[in-house]
Protein backbone atom coordinates (compact mmCIF):
# COMPACT_ATOMS: atom_id res chain seq x y z
CA MET A 1 0.00 0.00 0.00
CA GLY A 2 1.27 3.48 -0.84
CA ARG A 3 1.56 6.63 1.19
CA VAL A 4 0.06 9.77 -0.33
CA THR A 5 1.12 13.21 0.83
CA ALA A 6 0.28 16.72 -0.29
CA THR A 7 1.43 20.27 0.19
CA ILE A 8 -1.30 22.36 1.80
CA THR A 9 -1.70 25.99 2.75
CA VAL A 10 -3.86 26.77 5.77
CA THR A 11 -5.07 30.30 6.40
CA ASN A 12 -6.97 32.16 9.10
CA GLU A 13 -10.18 32.98 7.20
CA VAL A 14 -11.14 35.72 9.69
CA ASP A 15 -7.89 37.51 8.80
CA LYS A 16 -8.74 37.10 5.13
CA MET A 17 -12.20 38.67 5.64
CA LEU A 18 -10.72 41.55 7.65
CA ALA A 19 -8.20 42.23 4.87
CA GLU A 20 -10.93 42.15 2.23
CA ARG A 21 -12.82 44.79 4.22
CA GLY A 22 -9.71 46.95 4.71
CA PHE A 23 -9.34 46.47 8.48
CA ILE A 24 -5.91 44.83 8.16
CA LEU A 25 -3.29 44.68 5.43
CA ALA A 26 -3.11 41.61 3.20
CA GLU A 27 0.39 40.98 4.58
CA GLN A 28 -1.16 40.50 8.04
CA ILE A 29 -3.19 37.44 7.00
CA ARG A 30 -1.83 34.51 8.98
CA SER A 31 -1.08 31.57 6.70
CA VAL A 32 1.17 28.51 6.78
CA THR A 33 2.26 26.19 3.97
CA ILE A 34 2.95 22.62 5.09
CA ASP A 35 4.74 20.04 2.94
CA ASN A 36 4.26 16.27 3.08
CA VAL A 37 0.85 16.30 4.81
CA LEU A 38 -0.50 12.76 5.06
CA VAL A 39 -3.65 12.18 3.00
CA ASP A 40 -5.64 10.00 5.41
CA THR A 41 -9.01 8.63 4.27
CA GLY A 42 -9.36 7.10 7.74
CA ALA A 43 -9.59 10.62 9.18
CA THR A 44 -12.81 12.54 8.66
CA ARG A 45 -11.53 16.11 9.00
CA LEU A 46 -8.53 18.32 8.52
CA CYS A 47 -6.30 17.70 11.57
CA LEU A 48 -3.63 20.23 12.52
CA PRO A 49 -1.09 20.20 15.35
CA ALA A 50 -1.58 22.68 18.20
CA ASP A 51 1.49 24.73 17.24
CA ILE A 52 0.10 25.42 13.74
CA ILE A 53 -3.32 26.28 15.20
CA ALA A 54 -1.65 28.73 17.60
CA GLN A 55 0.41 30.26 14.78
CA LEU A 56 -2.81 30.87 12.81
CA SER A 57 -4.65 32.07 15.95
CA LEU A 58 -7.75 30.05 15.07
CA THR A 59 -11.04 30.32 16.96
CA LEU A 60 -11.99 27.48 19.29
CA VAL A 61 -15.50 26.09 18.68
CA GLY A 62 -15.51 23.50 21.46
CA GLU A 63 -14.77 19.84 21.94
CA ILE A 64 -15.89 16.78 20.01
CA ASP A 65 -15.60 13.07 20.64
CA GLY A 66 -13.15 11.40 18.30
CA HIS A 67 -12.17 7.83 17.62
CA THR A 68 -8.61 6.83 16.83
CA ALA A 69 -6.76 3.54 16.46
CA ILE A 70 -5.86 3.69 20.15
CA GLY A 71 -9.36 4.53 21.42
CA SER A 72 -11.82 7.37 21.90
CA ARG A 73 -11.10 10.76 23.42
CA LYS A 74 -12.06 14.43 23.30
CA PHE A 75 -10.54 16.69 20.65
CA ARG A 76 -10.65 20.46 20.43
CA LEU A 77 -12.34 21.80 17.30
CA PHE A 78 -11.40 25.10 15.61
CA LYS A 79 -13.27 26.99 12.90
CA ASN A 80 -12.63 29.16 9.84
CA VAL A 81 -9.56 27.47 8.41
CA GLY A 82 -8.90 28.21 4.77
CA LEU A 83 -7.42 25.19 3.03
CA ALA A 84 -5.68 25.28 -0.34
CA VAL A 85 -4.42 22.08 -1.91
CA ALA A 86 -3.73 21.07 -5.51
CA GLY A 87 -5.23 24.28 -6.87
CA ARG A 88 -8.51 23.88 -4.98
CA GLU A 89 -9.68 25.92 -1.98
CA GLY A 90 -12.29 25.61 0.76
CA ARG A 91 -13.10 26.63 4.32
CA TYR A 92 -13.25 24.02 7.08
CA ASP A 93 -13.19 23.28 10.76
CA CYS A 94 -10.11 21.45 12.01
CA VAL A 95 -9.33 19.06 14.82
CA GLU A 96 -6.39 19.83 17.09
CA LEU A 97 -3.58 17.30 17.37
CA PRO A 98 -0.78 17.54 19.92
CA ALA A 99 2.00 19.98 18.97
CA GLY A 100 4.59 18.46 16.67
CA GLU A 101 2.33 15.67 15.37
CA GLU A 102 1.89 15.08 11.68
CA PRO A 103 -1.06 17.00 10.15
CA LEU A 104 -3.72 14.94 8.38
CA LEU A 105 -5.85 15.74 5.37
CA GLY A 106 -9.08 13.81 5.97
CA LEU A 107 -11.95 12.55 3.87
CA VAL A 108 -14.39 15.49 4.11
CA PRO A 109 -12.06 18.11 2.60
CA LEU A 110 -10.77 15.57 0.06
CA GLU A 111 -14.28 14.82 -1.21
CA ASP A 112 -15.40 18.43 -1.02
CA LEU A 113 -12.43 19.61 -3.09
CA GLY A 114 -12.63 16.76 -5.60
CA LEU A 115 -9.33 15.16 -4.65
CA GLU A 116 -8.68 11.44 -4.75
CA PRO A 117 -5.65 9.61 -3.39
CA ASP A 118 -3.93 7.26 -5.84
CA LEU A 119 -2.19 4.77 -3.59
CA ARG A 120 -0.54 2.84 -6.41
CA ASN A 121 1.23 5.95 -7.76
CA GLN A 122 1.47 7.70 -4.38
CA ARG A 123 -0.11 10.95 -5.53
CA LEU A 124 -3.25 13.01 -5.18
CA ASN A 125 -5.49 13.12 -8.26
CA VAL A 126 -7.56 16.22 -9.01
CA LEU A 127 -10.98 15.15 -10.28
CA PRO A 128 -12.68 17.16 -13.04
CA ALA A 129 -14.94 19.99 -11.87
CA GLU A 130 -16.84 20.28 -15.15
CA GLY A 131 -18.50 18.03 -17.71
CA ASN A 132 -19.96 14.54 -17.42
CA GLN A 133 -17.13 13.30 -15.21
CA SER A 134 -17.43 16.14 -12.66
CA TYR A 135 -17.05 15.22 -9.00
CA ILE A 136 -19.65 17.90 -8.13
CA ARG A 137 -23.09 16.50 -7.32
CA VAL A 138 -26.09 18.63 -6.39
């Protein structure tokens, strides 16, 4: 079985909105590009380590119950994370991982952005957004 990774950029969407409205400069938008993020279809959400969340100054929503390979526990959930990967962009909530852990790109953002892991070739495929083969379903 192959390992698929991607380069992602995560952004504080509140900063982005403030810049669009002229309250802060575009250079003040907090954003981080992360290489070699594990594409994990066993994870539901975008999962970021606490140090990245702190760097972006994301807003805490609350706690959720999560299930991992080693059991169930509470995870902190943060909102308004801009995610850019493979030329596609969206806004998501993210789950906090302990600082220094490997970030995970889970199933919900993958499906939403029309991205499909190719385990054989160890890459992320971008599905068509238009035409008969479009990943977009209404």
